[in-house]
PDB file of N, CA and C in Angstrom:
ATOM      1  N   GLN A   1      27.952   6.701  83.182  1.00  0.00           N
ATOM      2  CA  GLN A   1      28.161   7.285  84.565  1.00  0.00           C
ATOM      3  C   GLN A   1      29.123   8.414  84.316  1.00  0.00           C
ATOM      4  N   VAL A   2      28.920   9.589  85.043  1.00  0.00           N
ATOM      5  CA  VAL A   2      29.820  10.733  84.783  1.00  0.00           C
ATOM      6  C   VAL A   2      30.536  11.030  86.146  1.00  0.00           C
ATOM      7  N   GLN A   3      31.887  11.375  85.955  1.00  0.00           N
ATOM      8  CA  GLN A   3      32.598  11.768  87.229  1.00  0.00           C
ATOM      9  C   GLN A   3      32.879  13.254  86.937  1.00  0.00           C
ATOM     10  N   LEU A   4      32.732  13.866  88.030  1.00  0.00           N
ATOM     11  CA  LEU A   4      32.938  15.388  88.144  1.00  0.00           C
ATOM     12  C   LEU A   4      34.104  15.735  89.079  1.00  0.00           C
ATOM     13  N   VAL A   5      34.793  16.844  88.732  1.00  0.00           N
ATOM     14  CA  VAL A   5      35.933  17.312  89.509  1.00  0.00           C
ATOM     15  C   VAL A   5      35.884  18.732  89.501  1.00  0.00           C
ATOM     16  N   GLU A   6      35.791  19.372  90.605  1.00  0.00           N
ATOM     17  CA  GLU A   6      35.696  20.753  90.780  1.00  0.00           C
ATOM     18  C   GLU A   6      37.107  21.355  90.980  1.00  0.00           C
ATOM     19  N   SER A   7      37.290  22.583  90.488  1.00  0.00           N
ATOM     20  CA  SER A   7      38.633  23.275  90.845  1.00  0.00           C
ATOM     21  C   SER A   7      38.291  24.776  90.753  1.00  0.00           C
ATOM     22  N   GLY A   8      39.502  25.418  91.200  1.00  0.00           N
ATOM     23  CA  GLY A   8      39.422  26.913  91.133  1.00  0.00           C
ATOM     24  C   GLY A   8      39.079  27.661  92.421  1.00  0.00           C
ATOM     25  N   GLY A   9      38.939  26.842  93.502  1.00  0.00           N
ATOM     26  CA  GLY A   9      38.538  27.442  94.796  1.00  0.00           C
ATOM     27  C   GLY A   9      39.847  28.048  95.369  1.00  0.00           C
ATOM     28  N   GLY A  10      39.760  28.862  96.540  1.00  0.00           N
ATOM     29  CA  GLY A  10      40.813  29.326  97.179  1.00  0.00           C
ATOM     30  C   GLY A  10      40.470  30.489  98.021  1.00  0.00           C
ATOM     31  N   LEU A  11      41.337  31.228  98.434  1.00  0.00           N
ATOM     32  CA  LEU A  11      41.184  32.376  99.405  1.00  0.00           C
ATOM     33  C   LEU A  11      41.123  33.668  98.568  1.00  0.00           C
ATOM     34  N   VAL A  12      40.209  34.541  98.873  1.00  0.00           N
ATOM     35  CA  VAL A  12      40.021  35.665  98.083  1.00  0.00           C
ATOM     36  C   VAL A  12      39.595  36.827  99.005  1.00  0.00           C
ATOM     37  N   GLN A  13      39.848  38.119  98.709  1.00  0.00           N
ATOM     38  CA  GLN A  13      39.522  39.125  99.611  1.00  0.00           C
ATOM     39  C   GLN A  13      37.915  39.606  99.229  1.00  0.00           C
ATOM     40  N   PRO A  14      37.244  40.084 100.075  1.00  0.00           N
ATOM     41  CA  PRO A  14      35.957  40.659  99.875  1.00  0.00           C
ATOM     42  C   PRO A  14      35.988  41.491  98.591  1.00  0.00           C
ATOM     43  N   GLY A  15      35.033  41.340  97.683  1.00  0.00           N
ATOM     44  CA  GLY A  15      34.993  42.245  96.541  1.00  0.00           C
ATOM     45  C   GLY A  15      35.801  41.572  95.446  1.00  0.00           C
ATOM     46  N   GLY A  16      36.450  40.562  95.595  1.00  0.00           N
ATOM     47  CA  GLY A  16      37.348  39.851  94.602  1.00  0.00           C
ATOM     48  C   GLY A  16      36.461  38.883  93.650  1.00  0.00           C
ATOM     49  N   SER A  17      37.219  38.189  92.823  1.00  0.00           N
ATOM     50  CA  SER A  17      36.549  37.289  91.898  1.00  0.00           C
ATOM     51  C   SER A  17      37.233  35.998  91.878  1.00  0.00           C
ATOM     52  N   LEU A  18      36.614  34.915  91.530  1.00  0.00           N
ATOM     53  CA  LEU A  18      37.070  33.580  91.266  1.00  0.00           C
ATOM     54  C   LEU A  18      36.287  32.928  90.164  1.00  0.00           C
ATOM     55  N   ARG A  19      36.957  31.986  89.566  1.00  0.00           N
ATOM     56  CA  ARG A  19      36.342  31.250  88.579  1.00  0.00           C
ATOM     57  C   ARG A  19      36.497  29.763  88.949  1.00  0.00           C
ATOM     58  N   LEU A  20      35.412  29.197  89.177  1.00  0.00           N
ATOM     59  CA  LEU A  20      35.252  27.714  89.511  1.00  0.00           C
ATOM     60  C   LEU A  20      35.110  26.919  88.260  1.00  0.00           C
ATOM     61  N   SER A  21      35.657  25.747  88.204  1.00  0.00           N
ATOM     62  CA  SER A  21      35.598  24.851  86.994  1.00  0.00           C
ATOM     63  C   SER A  21      35.027  23.444  87.525  1.00  0.00           C
ATOM     64  N   CYS A  22      34.118  22.747  86.697  1.00  0.00           N
ATOM     65  CA  CYS A  22      33.639  21.551  87.068  1.00  0.00           C
ATOM     66  C   CYS A  22      33.914  20.708  85.805  1.00  0.00           C
ATOM     67  N   ALA A  23      34.868  19.886  85.780  1.00  0.00           N
ATOM     68  CA  ALA A  23      35.277  19.074  84.598  1.00  0.00           C
ATOM     69  C   ALA A  23      34.621  17.722  84.728  1.00  0.00           C
ATOM     70  N   ALA A  24      34.123  17.182  83.608  1.00  0.00           N
ATOM     71  CA  ALA A  24      33.408  16.067  83.537  1.00  0.00           C
ATOM     72  C   ALA A  24      34.084  15.009  82.804  1.00  0.00           C
ATOM     73  N   SER A  25      33.996  13.727  83.148  1.00  0.00           N
ATOM     74  CA  SER A  25      34.561  12.681  82.390  1.00  0.00           C
ATOM     75  C   SER A  25      33.690  11.414  82.409  1.00  0.00           C
ATOM     76  N   GLY A  26      33.734  10.621  81.579  1.00  0.00           N
ATOM     77  CA  GLY A  26      32.799   9.338  81.386  1.00  0.00           C
ATOM     78  C   GLY A  26      31.667   9.477  80.608  1.00  0.00           C
ATOM     79  N   SER A  27      31.276  10.772  80.531  1.00  0.00           N
ATOM     80  CA  SER A  27      30.126  10.993  79.482  1.00  0.00           C
ATOM     81  C   SER A  27      30.150  12.508  79.155  1.00  0.00           C
ATOM     82  N   SER A  28      29.386  12.834  78.035  1.00  0.00           N
ATOM     83  CA  SER A  28      29.296  14.244  77.560  1.00  0.00           C
ATOM     84  C   SER A  28      28.292  14.995  78.330  1.00  0.00           C
ATOM     85  N   LEU A  29      28.795  16.083  78.750  1.00  0.00           N
ATOM     86  CA  LEU A  29      27.918  17.053  79.495  1.00  0.00           C
ATOM     87  C   LEU A  29      26.609  17.501  78.635  1.00  0.00           C
ATOM     88  N   ASP A  30      26.631  17.266  77.292  1.00  0.00           N
ATOM     89  CA  ASP A  30      25.563  17.641  76.593  1.00  0.00           C
ATOM     90  C   ASP A  30      24.318  16.770  76.908  1.00  0.00           C
ATOM     91  N   LYS A  31      24.470  15.871  77.581  1.00  0.00           N
ATOM     92  CA  LYS A  31      23.240  15.014  77.912  1.00  0.00           C
ATOM     93  C   LYS A  31      22.671  15.537  79.356  1.00  0.00           C
ATOM     94  N   TYR A  32      23.174  16.505  79.909  1.00  0.00           N
ATOM     95  CA  TYR A  32      22.962  16.607  81.352  1.00  0.00           C
ATOM     96  C   TYR A  32      22.516  18.209  81.671  1.00  0.00           C
ATOM     97  N   VAL A  33      21.872  18.385  82.715  1.00  0.00           N
ATOM     98  CA  VAL A  33      21.696  19.644  83.367  1.00  0.00           C
ATOM     99  C   VAL A  33      22.809  19.561  84.502  1.00  0.00           C
ATOM    100  N   ILE A  34      23.346  20.759  84.796  1.00  0.00           N
ATOM    101  CA  ILE A  34      24.393  20.771  85.831  1.00  0.00           C
ATOM    102  C   ILE A  34      23.928  22.003  86.823  1.00  0.00           C
ATOM    103  N   GLY A  35      24.206  21.645  88.108  1.00  0.00           N
ATOM    104  CA  GLY A  35      23.772  22.526  89.295  1.00  0.00           C
ATOM    105  C   GLY A  35      24.973  22.782  90.014  1.00  0.00           C
ATOM    106  N   TRP A  36      25.082  24.048  90.473  1.00  0.00           N
ATOM    107  CA  TRP A  36      26.188  24.388  91.519  1.00  0.00           C
ATOM    108  C   TRP A  36      25.495  24.543  92.768  1.00  0.00           C
ATOM    109  N   PHE A  37      26.090  23.879  93.774  1.00  0.00           N
ATOM    110  CA  PHE A  37      25.596  24.107  95.211  1.00  0.00           C
ATOM    111  C   PHE A  37      26.750  24.449  96.126  1.00  0.00           C
ATOM    112  N   ARG A  38      26.406  24.875  97.284  1.00  0.00           N
ATOM    113  CA  ARG A  38      27.362  25.173  98.315  1.00  0.00           C
ATOM    114  C   ARG A  38      26.992  24.944  99.633  1.00  0.00           C
ATOM    115  N   GLN A  39      27.937  24.634 100.480  1.00  0.00           N
ATOM    116  CA  GLN A  39      27.514  24.338 101.856  1.00  0.00           C
ATOM    117  C   GLN A  39      28.633  25.098 102.745  1.00  0.00           C
ATOM    118  N   ALA A  40      28.098  25.859 103.688  1.00  0.00           N
ATOM    119  CA  ALA A  40      28.897  26.466 104.668  1.00  0.00           C
ATOM    120  C   ALA A  40      28.930  25.516 105.959  1.00  0.00           C
ATOM    121  N   PRO A  41      29.837  25.863 106.854  1.00  0.00           N
ATOM    122  CA  PRO A  41      29.871  24.992 108.025  1.00  0.00           C
ATOM    123  C   PRO A  41      28.617  25.213 108.803  1.00  0.00           C
ATOM    124  N   GLY A  42      27.966  24.224 109.193  1.00  0.00           N
ATOM    125  CA  GLY A  42      26.623  24.370 110.191  1.00  0.00           C
ATOM    126  C   GLY A  42      25.573  24.701 109.363  1.00  0.00           C
ATOM    127  N   LYS A  43      25.617  24.777 108.002  1.00  0.00           N
ATOM    128  CA  LYS A  43      24.373  25.167 107.330  1.00  0.00           C
ATOM    129  C   LYS A  43      24.090  24.028 106.202  1.00  0.00           C
ATOM    130  N   LYS A  44      22.837  24.104 105.768  1.00  0.00           N
ATOM    131  CA  LYS A  44      22.337  23.174 104.680  1.00  0.00           C
ATOM    132  C   LYS A  44      22.988  23.505 103.435  1.00  0.00           C
ATOM    133  N   ARG A  45      23.066  22.476 102.580  1.00  0.00           N
ATOM    134  CA  ARG A  45      23.370  22.671 101.268  1.00  0.00           C
ATOM    135  C   ARG A  45      22.459  23.490 100.545  1.00  0.00           C
ATOM    136  N   GLU A  46      22.996  24.448  99.724  1.00  0.00           N
ATOM    137  CA  GLU A  46      22.227  25.504  99.147  1.00  0.00           C
ATOM    138  C   GLU A  46      22.424  25.402  97.577  1.00  0.00           C
ATOM    139  N   GLY A  47      21.530  25.441  96.736  1.00  0.00           N
ATOM    140  CA  GLY A  47      21.618  25.584  95.278  1.00  0.00           C
ATOM    141  C   GLY A  47      21.805  26.933  94.972  1.00  0.00           C
ATOM    142  N   VAL A  48      22.801  27.231  94.150  1.00  0.00           N
ATOM    143  CA  VAL A  48      23.060  28.590  93.683  1.00  0.00           C
ATOM    144  C   VAL A  48      22.977  28.823  92.248  1.00  0.00           C
ATOM    145  N   SER A  49      23.263  27.912  91.283  1.00  0.00           N
ATOM    146  CA  SER A  49      23.013  28.055  90.058  1.00  0.00           C
ATOM    147  C   SER A  49      22.771  26.700  89.233  1.00  0.00           C
ATOM    148  N   TYR A  50      22.393  26.928  88.107  1.00  0.00           N
ATOM    149  CA  TYR A  50      21.783  25.709  87.294  1.00  0.00           C
ATOM    150  C   TYR A  50      21.998  26.138  85.753  1.00  0.00           C
ATOM    151  N   ILE A  51      22.444  25.123  85.008  1.00  0.00           N
ATOM    152  CA  ILE A  51      22.362  25.278  83.466  1.00  0.00           C
ATOM    153  C   ILE A  51      21.898  24.035  82.915  1.00  0.00           C
ATOM    154  N   CYS A  52      21.097  24.099  81.866  1.00  0.00           N
ATOM    155  CA  CYS A  52      20.696  23.042  81.058  1.00  0.00           C
ATOM    156  C   CYS A  52      21.538  23.120  79.829  1.00  0.00           C
ATOM    157  N   SER A  53      22.287  22.036  79.547  1.00  0.00           N
ATOM    158  CA  SER A  53      23.160  22.127  78.380  1.00  0.00           C
ATOM    159  C   SER A  53      22.414  22.043  76.972  1.00  0.00           C
ATOM    160  N   ARG A  54      21.142  21.608  76.973  1.00  0.00           N
ATOM    161  CA  ARG A  54      20.368  21.436  75.684  1.00  0.00           C
ATOM    162  C   ARG A  54      19.819  22.715  75.318  1.00  0.00           C
ATOM    163  N   ASP A  55      19.417  23.553  76.224  1.00  0.00           N
ATOM    164  CA  ASP A  55      18.718  24.821  75.847  1.00  0.00           C
ATOM    165  C   ASP A  55      19.370  26.172  76.419  1.00  0.00           C
ATOM    166  N   SER A  56      20.452  25.839  77.276  1.00  0.00           N
ATOM    167  CA  SER A  56      21.067  26.895  77.964  1.00  0.00           C
ATOM    168  C   SER A  56      20.171  27.604  78.984  1.00  0.00           C
ATOM    169  N   THR A  57      19.164  27.087  79.484  1.00  0.00           N
ATOM    170  CA  THR A  57      18.373  27.654  80.549  1.00  0.00           C
ATOM    171  C   THR A  57      19.210  27.787  81.848  1.00  0.00           C
ATOM    172  N   THR A  58      19.105  28.856  82.446  1.00  0.00           N
ATOM    173  CA  THR A  58      19.912  29.095  83.494  1.00  0.00           C
ATOM    174  C   THR A  58      19.091  29.627  84.776  1.00  0.00           C
ATOM    175  N   TYR A  59      19.372  29.325  85.903  1.00  0.00           N
ATOM    176  CA  TYR A  59      18.683  29.665  87.224  1.00  0.00           C
ATOM    177  C   TYR A  59      19.740  30.168  88.211  1.00  0.00           C
ATOM    178  N   TYR A  60      19.478  31.264  88.964  1.00  0.00           N
ATOM    179  CA  TYR A  60      20.424  31.632  89.983  1.00  0.00           C
ATOM    180  C   TYR A  60      19.826  31.817  91.160  1.00  0.00           C
ATOM    181  N   GLY A  61      20.357  31.551  92.336  1.00  0.00           N
ATOM    182  CA  GLY A  61      19.800  31.787  93.575  1.00  0.00           C
ATOM    183  C   GLY A  61      19.781  33.230  93.894  1.00  0.00           C
ATOM    184  N   ASP A  62      18.750  33.699  94.804  1.00  0.00           N
ATOM    185  CA  ASP A  62      18.606  35.186  95.055  1.00  0.00           C
ATOM    186  C   ASP A  62      20.037  35.626  95.658  1.00  0.00           C
ATOM    187  N   SER A  63      20.704  34.882  96.273  1.00  0.00           N
ATOM    188  CA  SER A  63      21.865  35.445  97.046  1.00  0.00           C
ATOM    189  C   SER A  63      23.008  35.658  96.160  1.00  0.00           C
ATOM    190  N   VAL A  64      22.995  35.105  94.954  1.00  0.00           N
ATOM    191  CA  VAL A  64      24.148  35.172  93.917  1.00  0.00           C
ATOM    192  C   VAL A  64      23.767  35.871  92.803  1.00  0.00           C
ATOM    193  N   LYS A  65      22.489  36.228  92.693  1.00  0.00           N
ATOM    194  CA  LYS A  65      21.937  36.747  91.455  1.00  0.00           C
ATOM    195  C   LYS A  65      22.733  38.104  91.092  1.00  0.00           C
ATOM    196  N   GLY A  66      23.207  38.351  89.814  1.00  0.00           N
ATOM    197  CA  GLY A  66      23.888  39.455  89.425  1.00  0.00           C
ATOM    198  C   GLY A  66      25.368  39.506  89.802  1.00  0.00           C
ATOM    199  N   ARG A  67      25.776  38.539  90.509  1.00  0.00           N
ATOM    200  CA  ARG A  67      27.236  38.509  90.811  1.00  0.00           C
ATOM    201  C   ARG A  67      27.922  37.188  90.311  1.00  0.00           C
ATOM    202  N   PHE A  68      27.168  36.080  90.310  1.00  0.00           N
ATOM    203  CA  PHE A  68      27.556  34.771  89.580  1.00  0.00           C
ATOM    204  C   PHE A  68      27.068  34.616  88.274  1.00  0.00           C
ATOM    205  N   MET A  69      27.851  33.831  87.468  1.00  0.00           N
ATOM    206  CA  MET A  69      27.461  33.515  86.132  1.00  0.00           C
ATOM    207  C   MET A  69      28.026  32.195  85.792  1.00  0.00           C
ATOM    208  N   ILE A  70      26.898  31.286  85.250  1.00  0.00           N
ATOM    209  CA  ILE A  70      27.278  29.926  84.782  1.00  0.00           C
ATOM    210  C   ILE A  70      27.325  29.826  83.441  1.00  0.00           C
ATOM    211  N   SER A  71      28.217  29.007  82.835  1.00  0.00           N
ATOM    212  CA  SER A  71      28.476  28.831  81.539  1.00  0.00           C
ATOM    213  C   SER A  71      28.943  27.263  81.282  1.00  0.00           C
ATOM    214  N   ILE A  72      28.812  26.812  80.075  1.00  0.00           N
ATOM    215  CA  ILE A  72      29.325  25.423  79.815  1.00  0.00           C
ATOM    216  C   ILE A  72      30.030  25.472  78.482  1.00  0.00           C
ATOM    217  N   ASP A  73      31.110  24.802  78.394  1.00  0.00           N
ATOM    218  CA  ASP A  73      31.946  24.596  77.183  1.00  0.00           C
ATOM    219  C   ASP A  73      31.980  23.061  76.919  1.00  0.00           C
ATOM    220  N   ILE A  74      31.061  22.688  75.971  1.00  0.00           N
ATOM    221  CA  ILE A  74      30.789  21.285  75.677  1.00  0.00           C
ATOM    222  C   ILE A  74      32.021  20.687  75.030  1.00  0.00           C
ATOM    223  N   ALA A  75      32.740  21.370  74.246  1.00  0.00           N
ATOM    224  CA  ALA A  75      34.095  20.928  73.639  1.00  0.00           C
ATOM    225  C   ALA A  75      35.065  20.479  74.769  1.00  0.00           C
ATOM    226  N   LYS A  76      35.021  21.190  75.887  1.00  0.00           N
ATOM    227  CA  LYS A  76      35.939  20.949  77.061  1.00  0.00           C
ATOM    228  C   LYS A  76      35.280  19.941  78.029  1.00  0.00           C
ATOM    229  N   ASN A  77      34.044  19.865  77.756  1.00  0.00           N
ATOM    230  CA  ASN A  77      33.268  19.024  78.778  1.00  0.00           C
ATOM    231  C   ASN A  77      33.360  19.565  80.175  1.00  0.00           C
ATOM    232  N   THR A  78      33.194  20.874  80.305  1.00  0.00           N
ATOM    233  CA  THR A  78      33.410  21.737  81.470  1.00  0.00           C
ATOM    234  C   THR A  78      32.324  22.604  81.637  1.00  0.00           C
ATOM    235  N   VAL A  79      31.883  22.860  82.916  1.00  0.00           N
ATOM    236  CA  VAL A  79      31.100  23.993  83.382  1.00  0.00           C
ATOM    237  C   VAL A  79      31.950  24.868  84.090  1.00  0.00           C
ATOM    238  N   TYR A  80      31.521  26.187  83.978  1.00  0.00           N
ATOM    239  CA  TYR A  80      32.347  27.240  84.684  1.00  0.00           C
ATOM    240  C   TYR A  80      31.414  28.027  85.494  1.00  0.00           C
ATOM    241  N   ARG A  81      31.988  28.603  86.643  1.00  0.00           N
ATOM    242  CA  ARG A  81      31.126  29.453  87.391  1.00  0.00           C
ATOM    243  C   ARG A  81      31.994  30.656  87.697  1.00  0.00           C
ATOM    244  N   GLU A  82      31.747  31.857  87.160  1.00  0.00           N
ATOM    245  CA  GLU A  82      32.348  33.210  87.547  1.00  0.00           C
ATOM    246  C   GLU A  82      31.654  33.714  88.672  1.00  0.00           C
ATOM    247  N   MET A  83      32.402  34.092  89.675  1.00  0.00           N
ATOM    248  CA  MET A  83      31.840  34.681  90.907  1.00  0.00           C
ATOM    249  C   MET A  83      32.532  36.042  91.161  1.00  0.00           C
ATOM    250  N   ASN A  84      31.814  37.059  91.081  1.00  0.00           N
ATOM    251  CA  ASN A  84      32.383  38.383  91.273  1.00  0.00           C
ATOM    252  C   ASN A  84      31.754  39.025  92.602  1.00  0.00           C
ATOM    253  N   SER A  85      32.309  40.148  92.879  1.00  0.00           N
ATOM    254  CA  SER A  85      31.886  40.809  94.163  1.00  0.00           C
ATOM    255  C   SER A  85      31.630  39.821  95.256  1.00  0.00           C
ATOM    256  N   LEU A  86      32.615  39.088  95.540  1.00  0.00           N
ATOM    257  CA  LEU A  86      32.507  38.081  96.591  1.00  0.00           C
ATOM    258  C   LEU A  86      32.327  38.627  97.916  1.00  0.00           C
ATOM    259  N   LYS A  87      31.628  38.101  98.866  1.00  0.00           N
ATOM    260  CA  LYS A  87      31.321  38.533 100.177  1.00  0.00           C
ATOM    261  C   LYS A  87      31.788  37.293 101.162  1.00  0.00           C
ATOM    262  N   PRO A  88      32.074  37.662 102.371  1.00  0.00           N
ATOM    263  CA  PRO A  88      32.374  36.640 103.468  1.00  0.00           C
ATOM    264  C   PRO A  88      31.304  35.583 103.524  1.00  0.00           C
ATOM    265  N   GLU A  89      30.047  35.931 103.308  1.00  0.00           N
ATOM    266  CA  GLU A  89      28.965  34.969 103.440  1.00  0.00           C
ATOM    267  C   GLU A  89      28.940  34.019 102.237  1.00  0.00           C
ATOM    268  N   ASP A  90      29.854  34.182 101.213  1.00  0.00           N
ATOM    269  CA  ASP A  90      29.925  33.182 100.084  1.00  0.00           C
ATOM    270  C   ASP A  90      30.924  32.125 100.524  1.00  0.00           C
ATOM    271  N   THR A  91      31.628  32.204 101.577  1.00  0.00           N
ATOM    272  CA  THR A  91      32.529  31.204 102.085  1.00  0.00           C
ATOM    273  C   THR A  91      31.817  29.829 102.341  1.00  0.00           C
ATOM    274  N   ALA A  92      32.230  28.850 101.526  1.00  0.00           N
ATOM    275  CA  ALA A  92      31.599  27.613 101.568  1.00  0.00           C
ATOM    276  C   ALA A  92      32.548  26.558 100.750  1.00  0.00           C
ATOM    277  N   VAL A  93      31.971  25.303 100.757  1.00  0.00           N
ATOM    278  CA  VAL A  93      32.515  24.226  99.818  1.00  0.00           C
ATOM    279  C   VAL A  93      31.429  24.373  98.695  1.00  0.00           C
ATOM    280  N   TYR A  94      31.977  24.359  97.510  1.00  0.00           N
ATOM    281  CA  TYR A  94      31.234  24.473  96.336  1.00  0.00           C
ATOM    282  C   TYR A  94      31.160  23.305  95.478  1.00  0.00           C
ATOM    283  N   TYR A  95      30.092  22.653  95.142  1.00  0.00           N
ATOM    284  CA  TYR A  95      29.937  21.374  94.440  1.00  0.00           C
ATOM    285  C   TYR A  95      29.266  21.574  93.148  1.00  0.00           C
ATOM    286  N   CYS A  96      29.607  20.764  92.110  1.00  0.00           N
ATOM    287  CA  CYS A  96      28.828  20.671  90.987  1.00  0.00           C
ATOM    288  C   CYS A  96      28.205  19.234  90.924  1.00  0.00           C
ATOM    289  N   ALA A  97      27.034  19.336  90.259  1.00  0.00           N
ATOM    290  CA  ALA A  97      26.284  18.044  90.240  1.00  0.00           C
ATOM    291  C   ALA A  97      25.548  17.950  88.756  1.00  0.00           C
ATOM    292  N   THR A  98      25.143  16.764  88.404  1.00  0.00           N
ATOM    293  CA  THR A  98      24.509  16.537  87.292  1.00  0.00           C
ATOM    294  C   THR A  98      23.290  15.634  87.476  1.00  0.00           C
ATOM    295  N   SER A  99      22.297  15.875  86.477  1.00  0.00           N
ATOM    296  CA  SER A  99      21.092  15.159  86.360  1.00  0.00           C
ATOM    297  C   SER A  99      20.853  15.038  84.764  1.00  0.00           C
ATOM    298  N   ASP A 100      20.220  13.904  84.481  1.00  0.00           N
ATOM    299  CA  ASP A 100      19.836  13.805  83.036  1.00  0.00           C
ATOM    300  C   ASP A 100      18.533  14.215  82.829  1.00  0.00           C
ATOM    301  N   GLU A 101      17.900  14.754  83.692  1.00  0.00           N
ATOM    302  CA  GLU A 101      16.502  15.289  83.412  1.00  0.00           C
ATOM    303  C   GLU A 101      16.464  16.908  83.771  1.00  0.00           C
ATOM    304  N   GLU A 102      15.718  17.550  82.902  1.00  0.00           N
ATOM    305  CA  GLU A 102      15.716  19.073  83.011  1.00  0.00           C
ATOM    306  C   GLU A 102      14.694  19.397  84.217  1.00  0.00           C
ATOM    307  N   ALA A 103      15.078  20.379  84.948  1.00  0.00           N
ATOM    308  CA  ALA A 103      14.151  20.864  86.212  1.00  0.00           C
ATOM    309  C   ALA A 103      13.190  21.806  85.438  1.00  0.00           C
ATOM    310  N   GLU A 104      11.965  21.596  85.916  1.00  0.00           N
ATOM    311  CA  GLU A 104      10.925  22.362  85.351  1.00  0.00           C
ATOM    312  C   GLU A 104      10.892  23.856  85.887  1.00  0.00           C
ATOM    313  N   ASP A 105      11.542  23.912  87.051  1.00  0.00           N
ATOM    314  CA  ASP A 105      11.517  25.222  87.787  1.00  0.00           C
ATOM    315  C   ASP A 105      12.663  25.362  88.672  1.00  0.00           C
ATOM    316  N   GLU A 106      12.869  26.552  89.451  1.00  0.00           N
ATOM    317  CA  GLU A 106      13.977  26.759  90.313  1.00  0.00           C
ATOM    318  C   GLU A 106      14.042  25.726  91.384  1.00  0.00           C
ATOM    319  N   GLU A 107      12.857  25.520  91.921  1.00  0.00           N
ATOM    320  CA  GLU A 107      12.726  24.650  93.212  1.00  0.00           C
ATOM    321  C   GLU A 107      13.154  23.325  92.917  1.00  0.00           C
ATOM    322  N   LEU A 108      13.054  22.687  91.733  1.00  0.00           N
ATOM    323  CA  LEU A 108      13.581  21.447  91.464  1.00  0.00           C
ATOM    324  C   LEU A 108      15.229  21.698  91.159  1.00  0.00           C
ATOM    325  N   ALA A 109      15.401  22.690  90.335  1.00  0.00           N
ATOM    326  CA  ALA A 109      16.821  22.933  90.048  1.00  0.00           C
ATOM    327  C   ALA A 109      17.684  23.035  91.183  1.00  0.00           C
ATOM    328  N   PHE A 110      17.171  23.619  92.284  1.00  0.00           N
ATOM    329  CA  PHE A 110      18.005  23.754  93.379  1.00  0.00           C
ATOM    330  C   PHE A 110      17.763  22.721  94.413  1.00  0.00           C
ATOM    331  N   SER A 111      17.145  21.670  94.189  1.00  0.00           N
ATOM    332  CA  SER A 111      16.908  20.522  95.116  1.00  0.00           C
ATOM    333  C   SER A 111      18.010  19.458  94.933  1.00  0.00           C
ATOM    334  N   SER A 112      18.860  19.251  95.944  1.00  0.00           N
ATOM    335  CA  SER A 112      19.902  18.348  95.805  1.00  0.00           C
ATOM    336  C   SER A 112      19.479  16.909  95.390  1.00  0.00           C
ATOM    337  N   LEU A 113      18.167  16.653  95.752  1.00  0.00           N
ATOM    338  CA  LEU A 113      17.656  15.217  95.305  1.00  0.00           C
ATOM    339  C   LEU A 113      17.427  15.221  93.866  1.00  0.00           C
ATOM    340  N   TRP A 114      17.529  16.156  93.082  1.00  0.00           N
ATOM    341  CA  TRP A 114      17.202  16.122  91.734  1.00  0.00           C
ATOM    342  C   TRP A 114      18.365  15.530  90.976  1.00  0.00           C
ATOM    343  N   TYR A 115      19.674  15.398  91.678  1.00  0.00           N
ATOM    344  CA  TYR A 115      20.930  15.197  90.958  1.00  0.00           C
ATOM    345  C   TYR A 115      21.304  13.880  91.283  1.00  0.00           C
ATOM    346  N   ASP A 116      22.214  13.223  90.357  1.00  0.00           N
ATOM    347  CA  ASP A 116      22.569  11.905  90.466  1.00  0.00           C
ATOM    348  C   ASP A 116      23.989  11.784  90.894  1.00  0.00           C
ATOM    349  N   TYR A 117      24.891  12.639  90.134  1.00  0.00           N
ATOM    350  CA  TYR A 117      26.241  12.506  90.363  1.00  0.00           C
ATOM    351  C   TYR A 117      26.856  13.874  90.903  1.00  0.00           C
ATOM    352  N   TRP A 118      27.805  13.739  91.861  1.00  0.00           N
ATOM    353  CA  TRP A 118      28.299  14.946  92.383  1.00  0.00           C
ATOM    354  C   TRP A 118      29.844  14.884  92.497  1.00  0.00           C
ATOM    355  N   GLY A 119      30.554  16.035  92.446  1.00  0.00           N
ATOM    356  CA  GLY A 119      31.912  16.182  92.647  1.00  0.00           C
ATOM    357  C   GLY A 119      32.279  16.186  94.089  1.00  0.00           C
ATOM    358  N   ARG A 120      33.430  16.322  94.487  1.00  0.00           N
ATOM    359  CA  ARG A 120      33.884  16.312  95.847  1.00  0.00           C
ATOM    360  C   ARG A 120      33.938  17.768  96.334  1.00  0.00           C
ATOM    361  N   GLY A 121      33.909  18.626  95.543  1.00  0.00           N
ATOM    362  CA  GLY A 121      33.749  20.062  96.046  1.00  0.00           C
ATOM    363  C   GLY A 121      35.214  20.780  96.132  1.00  0.00           C
ATOM    364  N   THR A 122      35.044  22.011  96.063  1.00  0.00           N
ATOM    365  CA  THR A 122      36.263  23.004  96.123  1.00  0.00           C
ATOM    366  C   THR A 122      35.951  24.058  97.209  1.00  0.00           C
ATOM    367  N   GLN A 123      36.990  24.367  97.987  1.00  0.00           N
ATOM    368  CA  GLN A 123      36.743  25.413  99.185  1.00  0.00           C
ATOM    369  C   GLN A 123      36.950  26.654  98.610  1.00  0.00           C
ATOM    370  N   VAL A 124      35.856  27.541  98.938  1.00  0.00           N
ATOM    371  CA  VAL A 124      36.010  29.084  98.724  1.00  0.00           C
ATOM    372  C   VAL A 124      36.109  29.782 100.027  1.00  0.00           C
ATOM    373  N   THR A 125      36.989  30.688 100.223  1.00  0.00           N
ATOM    374  CA  THR A 125      37.104  31.293 101.474  1.00  0.00           C
ATOM    375  C   THR A 125      37.205  32.854 101.059  1.00  0.00           C
ATOM    376  N   VAL A 126      36.152  33.546 101.572  1.00  0.00           N
ATOM    377  CA  VAL A 126      36.330  35.025 101.274  1.00  0.00           C
ATOM    378  C   VAL A 126      36.631  35.800 102.604  1.00  0.00           C
ATOM    379  N   SER A 127      37.830  36.295 102.725  1.00  0.00           N
ATOM    380  CA  SER A 127      38.331  36.828 103.903  1.00  0.00           C
ATOM    381  C   SER A 127      39.423  37.898 103.795  1.00  0.00           C
ATOM    382  N   SER A 128      39.343  38.845 104.621  1.00  0.00           N
ATOM    383  CA  SER A 128      40.561  39.907 104.395  1.00  0.00           C
ATOM    384  C   SER A 128      41.628  39.502 105.339  1.00  0.00           C
TER     385      SER A 128
END
């Protein structure tokens, strides 16, 4: 079983940057794929990025492509999400999640049902 803890959220102005972290314990992330999701008030949970630790395959949602980057540091058992050019519509609670199965395509990678373990989330607010 793996436990996940997100950190790095906060208040940032439009156009700014943040780096979110997802620290894992209980198991090594090299066994898993990791997804980042977000949920804004009144909206459905949305998959925004995915990384496979075994082959570094990544997927990004259209809403964040070119602005967000996901990476993994196996030695630190942590996944990172660099978020640049932030917009007010990026405001949400951001969650990381793991699955021990590789997703064959983006649709699976961004399905919350694909994942077994979830963190509690970190709030990101983009506002002037």
